[in-house]
């Protein structure tokens, strides 16, 4: 029988999330996969991979069981058994908000989730477990909004992470978000606050409701405004639906496609930058990844870009590819 890693659950008390605008918990659960030899080889230090979930996700969900599909811990065990990857610690944070997600950004409208991840969680894990504490021993990987978070960390925190992997991460916002603006305009009917209240009161959330909540959540992340009643500004006029170019410009400043030129040196310092997307991605993130690749190439940044025949959902099998590459890069 193949050896299996162990899942441990820690509680982390966040000072940077305490008293956040949304009133979300500042005490969070942190799910951690320890490799099979962790308890046996008590002098060894292990590389660490921070695994970021997408919109509406939290770390524990990476360990959910599904028919015919292994969860993240089982995938890691399988890769160890076949020799495709070496032993690593996997850390699965909870950066969920009552709006569905944080984009791993500091925002006055949601909380300091970027600081929570990079400052609090990383230092907590390094204190609590036998990790390789240098950047060369750390990676960050995510899917969708988690992929966006990984790209953001690559740009802004290359002094903490040496490897970044984005599976279908948000980029080129014109394709990923703009098509949902008119849908959100119709869904909120001029009152985003009332929409949010109704959303939480309904037992069953519809697809269109999730779409609208996503744009609302992104507004809280990308265009916070302390003077606004909800703490953020939407990128369109809620009465007419016309795009607010000033707010939209604030969103675009957070687009990885635009961030590249401001963080080229940091990106060039990475041991591995990997991005992929399905050729049938419903949010057109395959095009976004191609555009991001062109920007990276323009700035002489090394990266790996791959495409696969699938959409945006149910693509956790892509972790088989990325975890093997991450292991190789961290051991190099």
Protein backbone atom coordinates (compact mmCIF):
# COMPACT_ATOMS: atom_id res chain seq x y z
CA UNK A 1 0.00 0.00 0.00
CA UNK A 2 1.27 3.47 -0.86
CA UNK A 3 2.16 5.74 2.03
CA UNK A 4 -0.20 8.61 2.62
CA UNK A 5 0.33 12.10 3.89
CA UNK A 6 -1.46 13.46 6.94
CA UNK A 7 -3.98 16.29 7.12
CA UNK A 8 -3.73 18.59 10.12
CA UNK A 9 -6.02 21.51 10.89
CA UNK A 10 -4.69 24.60 12.63
CA UNK A 11 -6.47 27.73 13.78
CA UNK A 12 -4.85 31.04 12.95
CA UNK A 13 -5.92 34.27 14.61
CA UNK A 14 -5.46 37.15 12.21
CA UNK A 15 -4.74 40.62 13.50
CA UNK A 16 -5.00 42.14 10.02
CA UNK A 17 -8.50 40.72 9.47
CA UNK A 18 -9.76 41.69 12.92
CA UNK A 19 -12.57 44.24 12.62
CA UNK A 20 -12.79 43.98 8.82
CA UNK A 21 -15.51 45.96 7.01
CA UNK A 22 -17.67 42.91 6.23
CA UNK A 23 -17.54 41.54 9.75
CA UNK A 24 -16.04 38.26 8.54
CA UNK A 25 -14.21 36.03 11.06
CA UNK A 26 -10.64 36.91 11.94
CA UNK A 27 -10.03 33.39 13.28
CA UNK A 28 -9.61 30.97 10.38
CA UNK A 29 -8.93 27.28 9.89
CA UNK A 30 -5.79 26.35 8.00
CA UNK A 31 -5.71 22.91 6.38
CA UNK A 32 -2.24 21.46 5.93
CA UNK A 33 -1.02 18.33 4.18
CA UNK A 34 2.13 16.85 5.72
CA UNK A 35 4.02 14.36 3.52
CA UNK A 36 4.41 10.70 4.59
CA UNK A 37 7.92 11.02 6.02
CA UNK A 38 7.27 14.27 7.94
CA UNK A 39 6.79 12.61 11.35
CA UNK A 40 9.42 9.96 10.72
CA UNK A 41 12.26 12.13 9.44
CA UNK A 42 12.37 14.68 12.26
CA UNK A 43 15.42 16.59 11.04
CA UNK A 44 14.29 17.17 7.48
CA UNK A 45 12.82 20.46 6.29
CA UNK A 46 10.28 20.44 3.48
CA UNK A 47 9.34 22.83 0.67
CA UNK A 48 5.90 24.41 1.00
CA UNK A 49 3.17 24.98 -1.58
CA UNK A 50 0.42 27.49 -0.79
CA UNK A 51 -2.76 26.38 -2.57
CA UNK A 52 -5.35 29.10 -3.27
CA UNK A 53 -8.98 28.36 -4.09
CA UNK A 54 -11.21 30.18 -6.56
CA UNK A 55 -14.26 32.37 -6.02
CA UNK A 56 -16.65 30.96 -3.38
CA UNK A 57 -13.92 28.55 -2.29
CA UNK A 58 -11.94 28.02 0.89
CA UNK A 59 -8.97 25.77 1.58
CA UNK A 60 -10.91 22.86 3.06
CA UNK A 61 -12.73 22.40 -0.25
CA UNK A 62 -9.51 21.21 -1.89
CA UNK A 63 -9.89 18.11 0.27
CA UNK A 64 -13.50 17.39 -0.69
CA UNK A 65 -14.18 13.90 -1.98
CA UNK A 66 -15.79 13.53 -5.39
CA UNK A 67 -16.73 10.41 -7.32
CA UNK A 68 -14.04 9.30 -9.76
CA UNK A 69 -11.74 12.22 -8.89
CA UNK A 70 -9.05 12.35 -6.19
CA UNK A 71 -8.80 15.39 -3.95
CA UNK A 72 -5.60 17.43 -3.64
CA UNK A 73 -4.07 15.31 -0.87
CA UNK A 74 -4.80 12.11 -2.79
CA UNK A 75 -3.26 13.60 -5.92
CA UNK A 76 -0.13 14.45 -3.96
CA UNK A 77 0.03 10.91 -2.57
CA UNK A 78 -0.34 9.48 -6.07
CA UNK A 79 2.43 11.68 -7.45
CA UNK A 80 4.73 10.54 -4.64
CA UNK A 81 3.89 6.90 -5.33
CA UNK A 82 4.76 7.22 -9.03
CA UNK A 83 7.88 9.28 -8.38
CA UNK A 84 6.54 12.24 -10.37
CA UNK A 85 6.98 14.60 -7.41
CA UNK A 86 8.95 14.85 -4.21
CA UNK A 87 7.57 15.39 -0.74
CA UNK A 88 6.12 18.82 -0.04
CA UNK A 89 3.91 20.45 2.57
CA UNK A 90 0.64 21.78 1.10
CA UNK A 91 -1.07 24.71 2.83
CA UNK A 92 -4.72 25.47 2.08
CA UNK A 93 -5.82 28.87 3.45
CA UNK A 94 -9.33 30.19 4.04
CA UNK A 95 -9.62 33.63 2.44
CA UNK A 96 -13.39 33.49 1.91
CA UNK A 97 -15.59 36.55 2.50
CA UNK A 98 -19.35 37.01 2.79
CA UNK A 99 -19.22 38.34 -0.80
CA UNK A 100 -17.67 35.08 -2.01
CA UNK A 101 -13.96 35.84 -2.10
CA UNK A 102 -11.11 38.25 -1.52
CA UNK A 103 -8.90 37.92 -4.64
CA UNK A 104 -6.08 37.74 -2.05
CA UNK A 105 -5.99 41.56 -2.12
CA UNK A 106 -5.86 44.20 0.61
CA UNK A 107 -9.07 46.19 0.38
CA UNK A 108 -10.87 48.48 2.81
CA UNK A 109 -14.14 46.94 1.59
CA UNK A 110 -13.20 43.34 2.45
CA UNK A 111 -10.04 43.12 4.55
CA UNK A 112 -6.27 42.76 4.32
CA UNK A 113 -6.20 39.31 2.76
CA UNK A 114 -2.93 39.85 0.90
CA UNK A 115 -1.21 40.65 4.20
CA UNK A 116 -3.02 37.78 5.88
CA UNK A 117 -1.62 35.33 3.34
CA UNK A 118 1.88 36.66 2.78
CA UNK A 119 2.70 37.95 6.25
CA UNK A 120 0.58 36.04 8.75
CA UNK A 121 0.03 32.60 7.21
CA UNK A 122 3.53 32.15 5.81
CA UNK A 123 5.18 33.11 9.10
CA UNK A 124 2.73 30.94 11.07
CA UNK A 125 3.51 27.90 8.92
CA UNK A 126 7.25 28.50 9.16
CA UNK A 127 7.02 28.70 12.97
CA UNK A 128 4.73 25.72 13.39
CA UNK A 129 6.23 23.24 10.89
CA UNK A 130 9.63 22.15 9.63
CA UNK A 131 9.63 24.15 6.43
CA UNK A 132 12.34 25.48 4.19
CA UNK A 133 12.05 29.08 5.29
CA UNK A 134 13.77 30.66 2.30
CA UNK A 135 11.87 31.85 -0.80
CA UNK A 136 13.54 29.11 -2.86
CA UNK A 137 11.50 26.60 -0.86
CA UNK A 138 8.09 28.22 -1.35
CA UNK A 139 5.54 28.06 -4.16
CA UNK A 140 2.04 29.44 -4.65
CA UNK A 141 -0.55 27.80 -6.88
CA UNK A 142 -4.23 28.43 -7.53
CA UNK A 143 -7.13 28.04 -9.90
CA UNK A 144 -9.40 30.82 -11.22
CA UNK A 145 -9.38 33.55 -8.53
CA UNK A 146 -6.73 31.46 -6.81
CA UNK A 147 -4.70 31.57 -10.00
CA UNK A 148 -5.12 35.32 -9.96
CA UNK A 149 -3.86 35.32 -6.38
CA UNK A 150 -0.81 33.31 -7.44
CA UNK A 151 -0.05 35.76 -10.27
CA UNK A 152 -0.45 38.65 -7.87
CA UNK A 153 1.95 37.04 -5.42
CA UNK A 154 4.41 36.47 -8.27
CA UNK A 155 4.31 40.16 -9.12
CA UNK A 156 4.29 41.65 -5.65
CA UNK A 157 5.90 39.04 -3.42
CA UNK A 158 8.67 37.35 -5.36
CA UNK A 159 10.79 37.85 -2.24
CA UNK A 160 8.51 35.33 -0.50
CA UNK A 161 7.69 32.86 -3.30
CA UNK A 162 10.06 31.57 -5.97
CA UNK A 163 7.45 29.57 -7.90
CA UNK A 164 3.98 30.65 -9.06
CA UNK A 165 1.35 28.62 -10.92
CA UNK A 166 -1.92 29.93 -12.32
CA UNK A 167 -4.57 27.50 -13.52
CA UNK A 168 -7.13 29.52 -15.50
CA UNK A 169 -6.33 32.62 -13.48
CA UNK A 170 -8.19 35.89 -13.99
CA UNK A 171 -6.41 38.04 -16.56
CA UNK A 172 -7.32 40.37 -19.40
CA UNK A 173 -10.34 41.72 -17.57
CA UNK A 174 -12.02 42.94 -20.77
CA UNK A 175 -12.82 39.34 -21.68
CA UNK A 176 -13.24 37.86 -18.20
CA UNK A 177 -15.46 40.45 -16.53
CA UNK A 178 -17.03 42.87 -19.04
CA UNK A 179 -19.54 40.34 -20.45
CA UNK A 180 -21.04 39.98 -16.97
CA UNK A 181 -21.58 43.70 -16.36
CA UNK A 182 -24.98 43.90 -18.10
CA UNK A 183 -26.07 40.68 -16.40
CA UNK A 184 -25.18 42.18 -13.04
CA UNK A 185 -26.90 45.46 -13.93
CA UNK A 186 -30.13 43.57 -14.53
CA UNK A 187 -29.77 41.37 -11.46
CA UNK A 188 -29.25 44.16 -8.91
CA UNK A 189 -32.02 46.40 -10.30
CA UNK A 190 -30.33 49.56 -9.13
CA UNK A 191 -29.70 48.44 -5.56
CA UNK A 192 -26.64 46.29 -4.88
CA UNK A 193 -27.22 46.41 -1.13
CA UNK A 194 -30.70 44.95 -1.43
CA UNK A 195 -29.40 42.32 -3.86
CA UNK A 196 -26.79 41.20 -1.30
CA UNK A 197 -29.42 40.98 1.45
CA UNK A 198 -31.73 38.94 -0.76
CA UNK A 199 -28.86 36.71 -1.87
CA UNK A 200 -28.08 35.65 1.67
CA UNK A 201 -31.75 35.14 2.56
CA UNK A 202 -32.35 32.70 -0.30
CA UNK A 203 -31.65 29.04 0.39
CA UNK A 204 -30.86 28.26 -3.24
CA UNK A 205 -28.53 30.55 -5.16
CA UNK A 206 -29.11 30.72 -8.91
CA UNK A 207 -26.40 30.89 -11.56
CA UNK A 208 -27.27 34.49 -12.45
CA UNK A 209 -27.13 35.40 -8.77
CA UNK A 210 -23.60 33.98 -8.48
CA UNK A 211 -22.58 35.91 -11.59
CA UNK A 212 -23.84 39.16 -10.09
CA UNK A 213 -22.27 38.43 -6.71
CA UNK A 214 -18.94 37.83 -8.46
CA UNK A 215 -18.98 41.30 -10.03
CA UNK A 216 -20.01 42.81 -6.69
CA UNK A 217 -17.18 40.98 -4.94
CA UNK A 218 -14.67 42.07 -7.56
CA UNK A 219 -15.85 45.65 -7.06
CA UNK A 220 -15.15 45.33 -3.35
CA UNK A 221 -11.66 44.06 -4.18
CA UNK A 222 -10.68 46.29 -7.11
CA UNK A 223 -12.59 49.53 -6.47
CA UNK A 224 -13.09 50.04 -2.74
CA UNK A 225 -14.36 53.45 -1.65
CA UNK A 226 -14.76 54.29 2.03
CA UNK A 227 -17.22 57.06 1.19
CA UNK A 228 -19.60 54.71 -0.67
CA UNK A 229 -22.53 53.20 1.27
CA UNK A 230 -21.35 49.63 0.62
CA UNK A 231 -17.67 50.48 0.85
CA UNK A 232 -17.03 50.09 -2.89
CA UNK A 233 -18.03 51.40 -6.29
CA UNK A 234 -19.45 49.30 -9.10
CA UNK A 235 -17.85 49.73 -12.55
CA UNK A 236 -21.11 50.85 -14.14
CA UNK A 237 -23.96 53.23 -13.47
CA UNK A 238 -26.65 51.26 -11.63
CA UNK A 239 -29.44 53.36 -13.18
CA UNK A 240 -28.40 53.32 -16.84
CA UNK A 241 -25.85 50.50 -17.01
CA UNK A 242 -23.22 52.74 -18.62
CA UNK A 243 -19.64 51.79 -17.76
CA UNK A 244 -17.93 54.10 -15.29
CA UNK A 245 -14.56 54.61 -16.95
CA UNK A 246 -12.90 55.95 -13.81
CA UNK A 247 -13.82 52.86 -11.80
CA UNK A 248 -13.05 50.53 -14.69
CA UNK A 249 -9.57 52.02 -14.90
CA UNK A 250 -9.05 51.10 -11.24
CA UNK A 251 -10.00 47.52 -12.06
CA UNK A 252 -7.59 47.36 -14.98
CA UNK A 253 -4.71 48.44 -12.75
CA UNK A 254 -5.13 45.07 -10.97
CA UNK A 255 -5.11 43.05 -14.21
CA UNK A 256 -2.02 40.79 -14.39
CA UNK A 257 -1.71 41.75 -18.07
CA UNK A 258 -1.11 45.35 -16.94
CA UNK A 259 0.87 44.45 -13.82
CA UNK A 260 3.64 42.72 -15.78
CA UNK A 261 5.39 45.89 -16.90
CA UNK A 262 5.51 47.24 -13.33
CA UNK A 263 6.87 44.01 -11.84
CA UNK A 264 9.05 42.61 -14.61
CA UNK A 265 12.17 42.32 -12.47
CA UNK A 266 10.31 40.37 -9.80
CA UNK A 267 8.82 38.01 -12.39
CA UNK A 268 12.22 37.46 -13.98
CA UNK A 269 13.56 36.34 -10.58
CA UNK A 270 11.15 33.38 -10.30
CA UNK A 271 12.41 29.83 -10.61
CA UNK A 272 9.14 28.88 -12.34
CA UNK A 273 6.14 30.80 -13.65
CA UNK A 274 3.47 28.53 -15.12
CA UNK A 275 0.06 29.37 -16.55
CA UNK A 276 -2.57 27.36 -18.35
CA UNK A 277 -6.23 27.54 -19.39
CA UNK A 278 -8.74 25.40 -21.19
CA UNK A 279 -9.45 26.17 -24.84
CA UNK A 280 -13.17 26.19 -24.01
CA UNK A 281 -12.93 28.36 -20.88
CA UNK A 282 -16.30 30.00 -20.29
CA UNK A 283 -14.63 33.23 -19.12
CA UNK A 284 -12.29 33.35 -22.13
CA UNK A 285 -9.26 32.95 -19.88
CA UNK A 286 -7.49 30.97 -22.59
CA UNK A 287 -7.31 34.24 -24.52
CA UNK A 288 -6.31 36.03 -21.34
CA UNK A 289 -3.44 33.59 -20.79
CA UNK A 290 -2.27 34.07 -24.38
CA UNK A 291 -2.29 37.85 -23.97
CA UNK A 292 -0.46 37.57 -20.65
CA UNK A 293 2.08 35.27 -22.31
CA UNK A 294 2.73 37.89 -24.99
CA UNK A 295 3.35 40.54 -22.33
CA UNK A 296 5.72 38.23 -20.45
CA UNK A 297 7.59 37.47 -23.65
CA UNK A 298 7.85 41.20 -24.42
CA UNK A 299 9.64 41.74 -21.10
CA UNK A 300 11.95 38.72 -21.49
CA UNK A 301 10.36 36.81 -18.61
CA UNK A 302 10.70 33.03 -18.64
CA UNK A 303 7.47 31.09 -18.26
CA UNK A 304 5.60 27.97 -19.32
CA UNK A 305 2.19 28.36 -20.98
CA UNK A 306 -0.04 25.40 -21.79
CA UNK A 307 -3.56 24.88 -23.06
CA UNK A 308 -5.84 21.89 -22.71
CA UNK A 309 -9.15 20.79 -24.21
CA UNK A 310 -11.63 21.71 -21.49
CA UNK A 311 -13.59 24.53 -19.90
CA UNK A 312 -13.24 26.41 -16.62
CA UNK A 313 -14.94 24.00 -14.22
CA UNK A 314 -13.85 20.63 -12.82
CA UNK A 315 -10.24 20.84 -13.92
CA UNK A 316 -8.54 19.83 -10.68
CA UNK A 317 -6.69 17.14 -12.65
CA UNK A 318 -4.42 19.95 -13.84
CA UNK A 319 -2.81 19.86 -10.39
CA UNK A 320 -1.16 16.60 -11.46
CA UNK A 321 0.84 18.60 -13.97
CA UNK A 322 1.57 21.63 -11.80
CA UNK A 323 2.54 19.82 -8.59
CA UNK A 324 5.11 17.78 -10.51
CA UNK A 325 6.56 20.94 -12.04
CA UNK A 326 6.53 22.74 -8.70
CA UNK A 327 8.37 19.89 -7.03
CA UNK A 328 11.02 19.86 -9.73
CA UNK A 329 11.51 23.64 -9.47
CA UNK A 330 11.69 23.72 -5.68
CA UNK A 331 14.21 20.90 -5.59
CA UNK A 332 16.41 22.48 -8.29
